[in-house]
Amino acid sequence: MEWAHDASYFFGAVFLTNAIPHFVSGVMGRPFQSPFAKPPGEGLSSSIVNVVWGFLNLIIGYFLIWRVGDFDVRSTQHAIALGLGIFLMALIHARLFGRLHGGNAPGEL
């Protein structure tokens, strides 16, 4: 059932990566996009909502990585699953939030 553990590590990394912009924006006292805003994912939510949402993502990521299977950071297979989740979610964030905050230059990916 190793593939299920790798999938769990991948999605745990997705949740941990998603926690970063929400939690950091909330701690800085800045409103930021969240699924609870209107329209969802584009409107701004309060800093409190973002701290809570970011912290919930941290908890989910923790459980998916460190409570499922036996995650070993020295295992290449585990590290690839984790790294791929981080990388892909970071690209999604760069694309989505770049569009909303002017971070994507015309003609760029």
PDB file of N, CA and C in Angstrom:
ATOM      1  N   MET A   1       0.832  -1.194   0.000  1.00  0.00           N
ATOM      2  CA  MET A   1       0.000   0.000   0.000  1.00  0.00           C
ATOM      3  C   MET A   1       0.874   1.255   0.000  1.00  0.00           C
ATOM      4  N   GLU A   2       2.099   1.125  -0.502  1.00  0.00           N
ATOM      5  CA  GLU A   2       3.049   2.243  -0.531  1.00  0.00           C
ATOM      6  C   GLU A   2       2.532   3.418  -1.362  1.00  0.00           C
ATOM      7  N   TRP A   3       1.795   3.131  -2.456  1.00  0.00           N
ATOM      8  CA  TRP A   3       1.296   4.220  -3.301  1.00  0.00           C
ATOM      9  C   TRP A   3       0.327   5.106  -2.531  1.00  0.00           C
ATOM     10  N   ALA A   4      -0.448   4.520  -1.632  1.00  0.00           N
ATOM     11  CA  ALA A   4      -1.398   5.311  -0.838  1.00  0.00           C
ATOM     12  C   ALA A   4      -0.644   6.230   0.118  1.00  0.00           C
ATOM     13  N   HIS A   5       0.460   5.751   0.660  1.00  0.00           N
ATOM     14  CA  HIS A   5       1.273   6.595   1.541  1.00  0.00           C
ATOM     15  C   HIS A   5       1.892   7.742   0.744  1.00  0.00           C
ATOM     16  N   ASP A   6       2.394   7.426  -0.449  1.00  0.00           N
ATOM     17  CA  ASP A   6       2.975   8.480  -1.290  1.00  0.00           C
ATOM     18  C   ASP A   6       1.924   9.525  -1.661  1.00  0.00           C
ATOM     19  N   ALA A   7       0.721   9.083  -1.963  1.00  0.00           N
ATOM     20  CA  ALA A   7      -0.365  10.025  -2.269  1.00  0.00           C
ATOM     21  C   ALA A   7      -0.674  10.890  -1.055  1.00  0.00           C
ATOM     22  N   SER A   8      -0.649  10.286   0.121  1.00  0.00           N
ATOM     23  CA  SER A   8      -0.894  11.032   1.351  1.00  0.00           C
ATOM     24  C   SER A   8       0.197  12.080   1.573  1.00  0.00           C
ATOM     25  N   TYR A   9       1.463  11.722   1.320  1.00  0.00           N
ATOM     26  CA  TYR A   9       2.570  12.671   1.477  1.00  0.00           C
ATOM     27  C   TYR A   9       2.455  13.808   0.465  1.00  0.00           C
ATOM     28  N   PHE A  10       2.051  13.465  -0.760  1.00  0.00           N
ATOM     29  CA  PHE A  10       1.854  14.478  -1.803  1.00  0.00           C
ATOM     30  C   PHE A  10       0.785  15.488  -1.371  1.00  0.00           C
ATOM     31  N   PHE A  11      -0.381  14.985  -0.961  1.00  0.00           N
ATOM     32  CA  PHE A  11      -1.465  15.888  -0.580  1.00  0.00           C
ATOM     33  C   PHE A  11      -1.176  16.600   0.747  1.00  0.00           C
ATOM     34  N   GLY A  12      -0.424  15.968   1.627  1.00  0.00           N
ATOM     35  CA  GLY A  12       0.017  16.659   2.840  1.00  0.00           C
ATOM     36  C   GLY A  12       0.875  17.865   2.498  1.00  0.00           C
ATOM     37  N   ALA A  13       1.758  17.689   1.508  1.00  0.00           N
ATOM     38  CA  ALA A  13       2.598  18.805   1.051  1.00  0.00           C
ATOM     39  C   ALA A  13       1.754  19.898   0.422  1.00  0.00           C
ATOM     40  N   VAL A  14       0.713  19.514  -0.298  1.00  0.00           N
ATOM     41  CA  VAL A  14      -0.201  20.498  -0.897  1.00  0.00           C
ATOM     42  C   VAL A  14      -0.834  21.350   0.206  1.00  0.00           C
ATOM     43  N   PHE A  15      -1.318  20.696   1.255  1.00  0.00           N
ATOM     44  CA  PHE A  15      -1.936  21.436   2.363  1.00  0.00           C
ATOM     45  C   PHE A  15      -0.919  22.313   3.095  1.00  0.00           C
ATOM     46  N   LEU A  16       0.286  21.793   3.329  1.00  0.00           N
ATOM     47  CA  LEU A  16       1.309  22.612   4.003  1.00  0.00           C
ATOM     48  C   LEU A  16       1.665  23.832   3.161  1.00  0.00           C
ATOM     49  N   THR A  17       1.795  23.651   1.861  1.00  0.00           N
ATOM     50  CA  THR A  17       2.117  24.768   0.979  1.00  0.00           C
ATOM     51  C   THR A  17       0.974  25.778   0.945  1.00  0.00           C
ATOM     52  N   ASN A  18      -0.251  25.295   0.961  1.00  0.00           N
ATOM     53  CA  ASN A  18      -1.406  26.186   0.970  1.00  0.00           C
ATOM     54  C   ASN A  18      -1.502  26.972   2.277  1.00  0.00           C
ATOM     55  N   ALA A  19      -0.986  26.409   3.349  1.00  0.00           N
ATOM     56  CA  ALA A  19      -1.039  27.094   4.643  1.00  0.00           C
ATOM     57  C   ALA A  19      -0.190  28.363   4.647  1.00  0.00           C
ATOM     58  N   ILE A  20       0.900  28.351   3.910  1.00  0.00           N
ATOM     59  CA  ILE A  20       1.877  29.443   3.988  1.00  0.00           C
ATOM     60  C   ILE A  20       1.280  30.810   3.654  1.00  0.00           C
ATOM     61  N   PRO A  21       0.711  31.036   2.459  1.00  0.00           N
ATOM     62  CA  PRO A  21       0.245  32.397   2.158  1.00  0.00           C
ATOM     63  C   PRO A  21      -0.910  32.847   3.056  1.00  0.00           C
ATOM     64  N   HIS A  22      -1.777  31.906   3.426  1.00  0.00           N
ATOM     65  CA  HIS A  22      -2.920  32.276   4.261  1.00  0.00           C
ATOM     66  C   HIS A  22      -2.468  32.626   5.680  1.00  0.00           C
ATOM     67  N   PHE A  23      -1.664  31.773   6.265  1.00  0.00           N
ATOM     68  CA  PHE A  23      -1.216  31.994   7.634  1.00  0.00           C
ATOM     69  C   PHE A  23      -0.343  33.242   7.740  1.00  0.00           C
ATOM     70  N   VAL A  24       0.595  33.394   6.815  1.00  0.00           N
ATOM     71  CA  VAL A  24       1.498  34.549   6.857  1.00  0.00           C
ATOM     72  C   VAL A  24       0.726  35.851   6.640  1.00  0.00           C
ATOM     73  N   SER A  25      -0.171  35.887   5.666  1.00  0.00           N
ATOM     74  CA  SER A  25      -0.969  37.100   5.446  1.00  0.00           C
ATOM     75  C   SER A  25      -1.802  37.426   6.676  1.00  0.00           C
ATOM     76  N   GLY A  26      -2.397  36.390   7.266  1.00  0.00           N
ATOM     77  CA  GLY A  26      -3.204  36.614   8.465  1.00  0.00           C
ATOM     78  C   GLY A  26      -2.390  37.146   9.619  1.00  0.00           C
ATOM     79  N   VAL A  27      -1.221  36.557   9.844  1.00  0.00           N
ATOM     80  CA  VAL A  27      -0.353  37.014  10.939  1.00  0.00           C
ATOM     81  C   VAL A  27       0.102  38.450  10.710  1.00  0.00           C
ATOM     82  N   MET A  28       0.282  38.819   9.448  1.00  0.00           N
ATOM     83  CA  MET A  28       0.686  40.189   9.121  1.00  0.00           C
ATOM     84  C   MET A  28      -0.483  41.158   9.197  1.00  0.00           C
ATOM     85  N   GLY A  29      -1.697  40.634   9.443  1.00  0.00           N
ATOM     86  CA  GLY A  29      -2.868  41.492   9.556  1.00  0.00           C
ATOM     87  C   GLY A  29      -3.434  41.928   8.224  1.00  0.00           C
ATOM     88  N   ARG A  30      -3.092  41.224   7.171  1.00  0.00           N
ATOM     89  CA  ARG A  30      -3.548  41.603   5.837  1.00  0.00           C
ATOM     90  C   ARG A  30      -4.692  40.703   5.371  1.00  0.00           C
ATOM     91  N   PRO A  31      -5.690  41.267   4.725  1.00  0.00           N
ATOM     92  CA  PRO A  31      -6.717  40.426   4.109  1.00  0.00           C
ATOM     93  C   PRO A  31      -6.103  39.680   2.930  1.00  0.00           C
ATOM     94  N   PHE A  32      -6.652  38.509   2.630  1.00  0.00           N
ATOM     95  CA  PHE A  32      -6.112  37.687   1.549  1.00  0.00           C
ATOM     96  C   PHE A  32      -7.228  36.803   1.006  1.00  0.00           C
ATOM     97  N   GLN A  33      -7.051  36.303  -0.214  1.00  0.00           N
ATOM     98  CA  GLN A  33      -8.044  35.435  -0.825  1.00  0.00           C
ATOM     99  C   GLN A  33      -8.196  34.154  -0.001  1.00  0.00           C
ATOM    100  N   SER A  34      -9.416  33.656   0.036  1.00  0.00           N
ATOM    101  CA  SER A  34      -9.661  32.361   0.666  1.00  0.00           C
ATOM    102  C   SER A  34     -10.924  31.772   0.046  1.00  0.00           C
ATOM    103  N   PRO A  35     -11.157  30.497   0.302  1.00  0.00           N
ATOM    104  CA  PRO A  35     -12.370  29.881  -0.228  1.00  0.00           C
ATOM    105  C   PRO A  35     -13.644  30.428   0.405  1.00  0.00           C
ATOM    106  N   PHE A  36     -13.518  31.203   1.475  1.00  0.00           N
ATOM    107  CA  PHE A  36     -14.681  31.705   2.204  1.00  0.00           C
ATOM    108  C   PHE A  36     -15.073  33.115   1.778  1.00  0.00           C
ATOM    109  N   ALA A  37     -14.293  33.720   0.896  1.00  0.00           N
ATOM    110  CA  ALA A  37     -14.567  35.081   0.430  1.00  0.00           C
ATOM    111  C   ALA A  37     -15.622  35.046  -0.678  1.00  0.00           C
ATOM    112  N   LYS A  38     -16.082  36.223  -1.045  1.00  0.00           N
ATOM    113  CA  LYS A  38     -17.023  36.344  -2.162  1.00  0.00           C
ATOM    114  C   LYS A  38     -16.384  37.199  -3.232  1.00  0.00           C
ATOM    115  N   PRO A  39     -16.172  36.700  -4.436  1.00  0.00           N
ATOM    116  CA  PRO A  39     -16.326  35.313  -4.868  1.00  0.00           C
ATOM    117  C   PRO A  39     -15.226  34.432  -4.268  1.00  0.00           C
ATOM    118  N   PRO A  40     -15.531  33.153  -4.062  1.00  0.00           N
ATOM    119  CA  PRO A  40     -14.568  32.240  -3.439  1.00  0.00           C
ATOM    120  C   PRO A  40     -13.243  32.195  -4.200  1.00  0.00           C
ATOM    121  N   GLY A  41     -12.152  32.336  -3.449  1.00  0.00           N
ATOM    122  CA  GLY A  41     -10.821  32.263  -4.045  1.00  0.00           C
ATOM    123  C   GLY A  41     -10.341  33.546  -4.679  1.00  0.00           C
ATOM    124  N   GLU A  42     -11.216  34.521  -4.840  1.00  0.00           N
ATOM    125  CA  GLU A  42     -10.813  35.789  -5.453  1.00  0.00           C
ATOM    126  C   GLU A  42     -11.053  36.977  -4.546  1.00  0.00           C
ATOM    127  N   GLY A  43     -12.148  36.950  -3.803  1.00  0.00           N
ATOM    128  CA  GLY A  43     -12.419  38.027  -2.857  1.00  0.00           C
ATOM    129  C   GLY A  43     -11.483  37.921  -1.659  1.00  0.00           C
ATOM    130  N   LEU A  44     -11.448  38.968  -0.874  1.00  0.00           N
ATOM    131  CA  LEU A  44     -10.549  38.995   0.279  1.00  0.00           C
ATOM    132  C   LEU A  44     -11.276  38.576   1.549  1.00  0.00           C
ATOM    133  N   SER A  45     -10.605  37.760   2.337  1.00  0.00           N
ATOM    134  CA  SER A  45     -11.095  37.378   3.662  1.00  0.00           C
ATOM    135  C   SER A  45     -10.256  38.094   4.704  1.00  0.00           C
ATOM    136  N   SER A  46     -10.803  38.239   5.893  1.00  0.00           N
ATOM    137  CA  SER A  46     -10.101  38.937   6.968  1.00  0.00           C
ATOM    138  C   SER A  46      -8.839  38.177   7.373  1.00  0.00           C
ATOM    139  N   SER A  47      -7.981  38.887   8.083  1.00  0.00           N
ATOM    140  CA  SER A  47      -6.748  38.266   8.557  1.00  0.00           C
ATOM    141  C   SER A  47      -7.051  37.121   9.532  1.00  0.00           C
ATOM    142  N   ILE A  48      -8.090  37.250  10.342  1.00  0.00           N
ATOM    143  CA  ILE A  48      -8.465  36.186  11.289  1.00  0.00           C
ATOM    144  C   ILE A  48      -8.885  34.930  10.534  1.00  0.00           C
ATOM    145  N   VAL A  49      -9.712  35.088   9.504  1.00  0.00           N
ATOM    146  CA  VAL A  49     -10.148  33.947   8.702  1.00  0.00           C
ATOM    147  C   VAL A  49      -8.928  33.261   8.086  1.00  0.00           C
ATOM    148  N   ASN A  50      -7.965  34.036   7.607  1.00  0.00           N
ATOM    149  CA  ASN A  50      -6.780  33.465   6.984  1.00  0.00           C
ATOM    150  C   ASN A  50      -5.870  32.759   7.988  1.00  0.00           C
ATOM    151  N   VAL A  51      -5.762  33.265   9.197  1.00  0.00           N
ATOM    152  CA  VAL A  51      -4.978  32.558  10.220  1.00  0.00           C
ATOM    153  C   VAL A  51      -5.632  31.208  10.513  1.00  0.00           C
ATOM    154  N   VAL A  52      -6.941  31.207  10.696  1.00  0.00           N
ATOM    155  CA  VAL A  52      -7.655  29.956  10.992  1.00  0.00           C
ATOM    156  C   VAL A  52      -7.531  28.990   9.819  1.00  0.00           C
ATOM    157  N   TRP A  53      -7.743  29.471   8.585  1.00  0.00           N
ATOM    158  CA  TRP A  53      -7.654  28.619   7.409  1.00  0.00           C
ATOM    159  C   TRP A  53      -6.230  28.074   7.231  1.00  0.00           C
ATOM    160  N   GLY A  54      -5.241  28.931   7.421  1.00  0.00           N
ATOM    161  CA  GLY A  54      -3.848  28.489   7.317  1.00  0.00           C
ATOM    162  C   GLY A  54      -3.509  27.452   8.368  1.00  0.00           C
ATOM    163  N   PHE A  55      -3.969  27.659   9.595  1.00  0.00           N
ATOM    164  CA  PHE A  55      -3.686  26.715  10.677  1.00  0.00           C
ATOM    165  C   PHE A  55      -4.384  25.384  10.430  1.00  0.00           C
ATOM    166  N   LEU A  56      -5.601  25.415   9.917  1.00  0.00           N
ATOM    167  CA  LEU A  56      -6.303  24.178   9.578  1.00  0.00           C
ATOM    168  C   LEU A  56      -5.544  23.401   8.497  1.00  0.00           C
ATOM    169  N   ASN A  57      -5.009  24.112   7.517  1.00  0.00           N
ATOM    170  CA  ASN A  57      -4.191  23.469   6.488  1.00  0.00           C
ATOM    171  C   ASN A  57      -2.935  22.846   7.089  1.00  0.00           C
ATOM    172  N   LEU A  58      -2.321  23.517   8.062  1.00  0.00           N
ATOM    173  CA  LEU A  58      -1.153  22.950   8.747  1.00  0.00           C
ATOM    174  C   LEU A  58      -1.506  21.642   9.459  1.00  0.00           C
ATOM    175  N   ILE A  59      -2.629  21.625  10.135  1.00  0.00           N
ATOM    176  CA  ILE A  59      -3.058  20.427  10.861  1.00  0.00           C
ATOM    177  C   ILE A  59      -3.308  19.275   9.884  1.00  0.00           C
ATOM    178  N   ILE A  60      -4.024  19.543   8.797  1.00  0.00           N
ATOM    179  CA  ILE A  60      -4.304  18.500   7.809  1.00  0.00           C
ATOM    180  C   ILE A  60      -3.007  17.987   7.193  1.00  0.00           C
ATOM    181  N   GLY A  61      -2.109  18.901   6.837  1.00  0.00           N
ATOM    182  CA  GLY A  61      -0.820  18.504   6.284  1.00  0.00           C
ATOM    183  C   GLY A  61      -0.027  17.648   7.246  1.00  0.00           C
ATOM    184  N   TYR A  62      -0.030  18.017   8.513  1.00  0.00           N
ATOM    185  CA  TYR A  62       0.660  17.225   9.538  1.00  0.00           C
ATOM    186  C   TYR A  62       0.128  15.794   9.570  1.00  0.00           C
ATOM    187  N   PHE A  63      -1.178  15.655   9.635  1.00  0.00           N
ATOM    188  CA  PHE A  63      -1.758  14.313   9.710  1.00  0.00           C
ATOM    189  C   PHE A  63      -1.474  13.494   8.455  1.00  0.00           C
ATOM    190  N   LEU A  64      -1.543  14.122   7.284  1.00  0.00           N
ATOM    191  CA  LEU A  64      -1.312  13.382   6.047  1.00  0.00           C
ATOM    192  C   LEU A  64       0.147  12.956   5.873  1.00  0.00           C
ATOM    193  N   ILE A  65       1.075  13.721   6.429  1.00  0.00           N
ATOM    194  CA  ILE A  65       2.495  13.384   6.264  1.00  0.00           C
ATOM    195  C   ILE A  65       3.020  12.533   7.421  1.00  0.00           C
ATOM    196  N   TRP A  66       2.799  12.966   8.634  1.00  0.00           N
ATOM    197  CA  TRP A  66       3.459  12.313   9.767  1.00  0.00           C
ATOM    198  C   TRP A  66       2.604  11.296  10.516  1.00  0.00           C
ATOM    199  N   ARG A  67       1.331  11.190  10.175  1.00  0.00           N
ATOM    200  CA  ARG A  67       0.489  10.218  10.866  1.00  0.00           C
ATOM    201  C   ARG A  67       0.012   9.098   9.956  1.00  0.00           C
ATOM    202  N   VAL A  68       0.308   9.196   8.655  1.00  0.00           N
ATOM    203  CA  VAL A  68      -0.047   8.136   7.707  1.00  0.00           C
ATOM    204  C   VAL A  68       1.252   7.437   7.312  1.00  0.00           C
ATOM    205  N   GLY A  69       1.278   6.129   7.417  1.00  0.00           N
ATOM    206  CA  GLY A  69       2.488   5.396   7.051  1.00  0.00           C
ATOM    207  C   GLY A  69       3.635   5.725   7.978  1.00  0.00           C
ATOM    208  N   ASP A  70       4.838   5.626   7.430  1.00  0.00           N
ATOM    209  CA  ASP A  70       6.056   5.891   8.205  1.00  0.00           C
ATOM    210  C   ASP A  70       6.945   6.810   7.379  1.00  0.00           C
ATOM    211  N   PHE A  71       6.594   8.094   7.322  1.00  0.00           N
ATOM    212  CA  PHE A  71       7.326   9.046   6.496  1.00  0.00           C
ATOM    213  C   PHE A  71       8.784   9.108   6.922  1.00  0.00           C
ATOM    214  N   ASP A  72       9.674   8.990   5.927  1.00  0.00           N
ATOM    215  CA  ASP A  72      11.118   9.061   6.178  1.00  0.00           C
ATOM    216  C   ASP A  72      11.705  10.073   5.209  1.00  0.00           C
ATOM    217  N   VAL A  73      12.211  11.170   5.733  1.00  0.00           N
ATOM    218  CA  VAL A  73      12.748  12.237   4.893  1.00  0.00           C
ATOM    219  C   VAL A  73      13.968  11.752   4.100  1.00  0.00           C
ATOM    220  N   ARG A  74      14.618  10.671   4.551  1.00  0.00           N
ATOM    221  CA  ARG A  74      15.765  10.130   3.827  1.00  0.00           C
ATOM    222  C   ARG A  74      15.361   9.170   2.714  1.00  0.00           C
ATOM    223  N   SER A  75      14.081   8.847   2.616  1.00  0.00           N
ATOM    224  CA  SER A  75      13.583   7.991   1.542  1.00  0.00           C
ATOM    225  C   SER A  75      13.371   8.839   0.293  1.00  0.00           C
ATOM    226  N   THR A  76      14.035   8.473  -0.779  1.00  0.00           N
ATOM    227  CA  THR A  76      13.895   9.229  -2.030  1.00  0.00           C
ATOM    228  C   THR A  76      12.448   9.243  -2.501  1.00  0.00           C
ATOM    229  N   GLN A  77      11.786   8.128  -2.413  1.00  0.00           N
ATOM    230  CA  GLN A  77      10.393   8.040  -2.855  1.00  0.00           C
ATOM    231  C   GLN A  77       9.495   8.976  -2.047  1.00  0.00           C
ATOM    232  N   HIS A  78       9.689   9.020  -0.735  1.00  0.00           N
ATOM    233  CA  HIS A  78       8.888   9.908   0.109  1.00  0.00           C
ATOM    234  C   HIS A  78       9.222  11.371  -0.184  1.00  0.00           C
ATOM    235  N   ALA A  79      10.511  11.668  -0.338  1.00  0.00           N
ATOM    236  CA  ALA A  79      10.929  13.045  -0.607  1.00  0.00           C
ATOM    237  C   ALA A  79      10.403  13.543  -1.954  1.00  0.00           C
ATOM    238  N   ILE A  80      10.372  12.650  -2.948  1.00  0.00           N
ATOM    239  CA  ILE A  80       9.846  13.036  -4.264  1.00  0.00           C
ATOM    240  C   ILE A  80       8.351  13.338  -4.168  1.00  0.00           C
ATOM    241  N   ALA A  81       7.607  12.486  -3.472  1.00  0.00           N
ATOM    242  CA  ALA A  81       6.162  12.726  -3.316  1.00  0.00           C
ATOM    243  C   ALA A  81       5.922  14.057  -2.612  1.00  0.00           C
ATOM    244  N   LEU A  82       6.662  14.323  -1.545  1.00  0.00           N
ATOM    245  CA  LEU A  82       6.511  15.571  -0.795  1.00  0.00           C
ATOM    246  C   LEU A  82       6.924  16.772  -1.649  1.00  0.00           C
ATOM    247  N   GLY A  83       8.089  16.666  -2.289  1.00  0.00           N
ATOM    248  CA  GLY A  83       8.591  17.769  -3.103  1.00  0.00           C
ATOM    249  C   GLY A  83       7.702  18.091  -4.282  1.00  0.00           C
ATOM    250  N   LEU A  84       7.144  17.052  -4.905  1.00  0.00           N
ATOM    251  CA  LEU A  84       6.252  17.267  -6.034  1.00  0.00           C
ATOM    252  C   LEU A  84       4.985  17.993  -5.597  1.00  0.00           C
ATOM    253  N   GLY A  85       4.448  17.625  -4.432  1.00  0.00           N
ATOM    254  CA  GLY A  85       3.268  18.314  -3.908  1.00  0.00           C
ATOM    255  C   GLY A  85       3.551  19.783  -3.631  1.00  0.00           C
ATOM    256  N   ILE A  86       4.705  20.056  -3.028  1.00  0.00           N
ATOM    257  CA  ILE A  86       5.094  21.444  -2.740  1.00  0.00           C
ATOM    258  C   ILE A  86       5.249  22.230  -4.038  1.00  0.00           C
ATOM    259  N   PHE A  87       5.996  21.645  -4.980  1.00  0.00           N
ATOM    260  CA  PHE A  87       6.280  22.343  -6.233  1.00  0.00           C
ATOM    261  C   PHE A  87       5.012  22.643  -7.033  1.00  0.00           C
ATOM    262  N   LEU A  88       4.154  21.647  -7.190  1.00  0.00           N
ATOM    263  CA  LEU A  88       2.938  21.860  -7.983  1.00  0.00           C
ATOM    264  C   LEU A  88       1.990  22.858  -7.328  1.00  0.00           C
ATOM    265  N   MET A  89       1.839  22.783  -6.012  1.00  0.00           N
ATOM    266  CA  MET A  89       0.961  23.744  -5.338  1.00  0.00           C
ATOM    267  C   MET A  89       1.558  25.150  -5.394  1.00  0.00           C
ATOM    268  N   ALA A  90       2.868  25.257  -5.312  1.00  0.00           N
ATOM    269  CA  ALA A  90       3.513  26.567  -5.423  1.00  0.00           C
ATOM    270  C   ALA A  90       3.277  27.171  -6.809  1.00  0.00           C
ATOM    271  N   LEU A  91       3.347  26.337  -7.851  1.00  0.00           N
ATOM    272  CA  LEU A  91       3.061  26.835  -9.204  1.00  0.00           C
ATOM    273  C   LEU A  91       1.612  27.295  -9.334  1.00  0.00           C
ATOM    274  N   ILE A  92       0.705  26.535  -8.764  1.00  0.00           N
ATOM    275  CA  ILE A  92      -0.711  26.917  -8.790  1.00  0.00           C
ATOM    276  C   ILE A  92      -0.919  28.239  -8.064  1.00  0.00           C
ATOM    277  N   HIS A  93      -0.293  28.388  -6.902  1.00  0.00           N
ATOM    278  CA  HIS A  93      -0.407  29.645  -6.159  1.00  0.00           C
ATOM    279  C   HIS A  93       0.187  30.806  -6.941  1.00  0.00           C
ATOM    280  N   ALA A  94       1.357  30.592  -7.543  1.00  0.00           N
ATOM    281  CA  ALA A  94       1.996  31.670  -8.311  1.00  0.00           C
ATOM    282  C   ALA A  94       1.090  32.124  -9.442  1.00  0.00           C
ATOM    283  N   ARG A  95       0.463  31.180 -10.094  1.00  0.00           N
ATOM    284  CA  ARG A  95      -0.433  31.506 -11.206  1.00  0.00           C
ATOM    285  C   ARG A  95      -1.689  32.234 -10.721  1.00  0.00           C
ATOM    286  N   LEU A  96      -2.341  31.663  -9.713  1.00  0.00           N
ATOM    287  CA  LEU A  96      -3.596  32.233  -9.207  1.00  0.00           C
ATOM    288  C   LEU A  96      -3.363  33.591  -8.543  1.00  0.00           C
ATOM    289  N   PHE A  97      -2.470  33.640  -7.574  1.00  0.00           N
ATOM    290  CA  PHE A  97      -2.267  34.876  -6.831  1.00  0.00           C
ATOM    291  C   PHE A  97      -1.528  35.912  -7.671  1.00  0.00           C
ATOM    292  N   GLY A  98      -0.691  35.457  -8.602  1.00  0.00           N
ATOM    293  CA  GLY A  98      -0.025  36.390  -9.516  1.00  0.00           C
ATOM    294  C   GLY A  98      -1.031  37.103 -10.395  1.00  0.00           C
ATOM    295  N   ARG A  99      -2.062  36.379 -10.832  1.00  0.00           N
ATOM    296  CA  ARG A  99      -3.111  36.985 -11.646  1.00  0.00           C
ATOM    297  C   ARG A  99      -3.863  38.047 -10.855  1.00  0.00           C
ATOM    298  N   LEU A 100      -4.076  37.781  -9.568  1.00  0.00           N
ATOM    299  CA  LEU A 100      -4.840  38.706  -8.731  1.00  0.00           C
ATOM    300  C   LEU A 100      -4.005  39.870  -8.212  1.00  0.00           C
ATOM    301  N   HIS A 101      -2.691  39.688  -8.126  1.00  0.00           N
ATOM    302  CA  HIS A 101      -1.827  40.702  -7.526  1.00  0.00           C
ATOM    303  C   HIS A 101      -0.791  41.267  -8.502  1.00  0.00           C
ATOM    304  N   GLY A 102      -0.952  40.998  -9.787  1.00  0.00           N
ATOM    305  CA  GLY A 102      -0.045  41.568 -10.793  1.00  0.00           C
ATOM    306  C   GLY A 102       1.300  40.912 -10.874  1.00  0.00           C
ATOM    307  N   GLY A 103       1.422  39.660 -10.435  1.00  0.00           N
ATOM    308  CA  GLY A 103       2.719  38.988 -10.444  1.00  0.00           C
ATOM    309  C   GLY A 103       3.050  38.255 -11.720  1.00  0.00           C
ATOM    310  N   ASN A 104       2.094  38.131 -12.637  1.00  0.00           N
ATOM    311  CA  ASN A 104       2.350  37.440 -13.899  1.00  0.00           C
ATOM    312  C   ASN A 104       2.503  38.478 -15.004  1.00  0.00           C
ATOM    313  N   ALA A 105       3.702  38.516 -15.599  1.00  0.00           N
ATOM    314  CA  ALA A 105       3.947  39.439 -16.708  1.00  0.00           C
ATOM    315  C   ALA A 105       3.316  38.876 -17.979  1.00  0.00           C
ATOM    316  N   PRO A 106       2.841  39.732 -18.865  1.00  0.00           N
ATOM    317  CA  PRO A 106       2.271  39.252 -20.139  1.00  0.00           C
ATOM    318  C   PRO A 106       3.276  38.417 -20.903  1.00  0.00           C
ATOM    319  N   GLY A 107       2.835  37.305 -21.449  1.00  0.00           N
ATOM    320  CA  GLY A 107       3.704  36.443 -22.225  1.00  0.00           C
ATOM    321  C   GLY A 107       4.439  35.396 -21.409  1.00  0.00           C
ATOM    322  N   GLU A 108       4.386  35.493 -20.083  1.00  0.00           N
ATOM    323  CA  GLU A 108       5.029  34.489 -19.249  1.00  0.00           C
ATOM    324  C   GLU A 108       4.086  33.329 -19.048  1.00  0.00           C
ATOM    325  N   LEU A 109       4.616  32.226 -18.559  1.00  0.00           N
ATOM    326  CA  LEU A 109       3.791  31.063 -18.280  1.00  0.00           C
ATOM    327  C   LEU A 109       2.773  31.454 -17.278  1.00  0.00           C
TER     328      LEU A 109
END
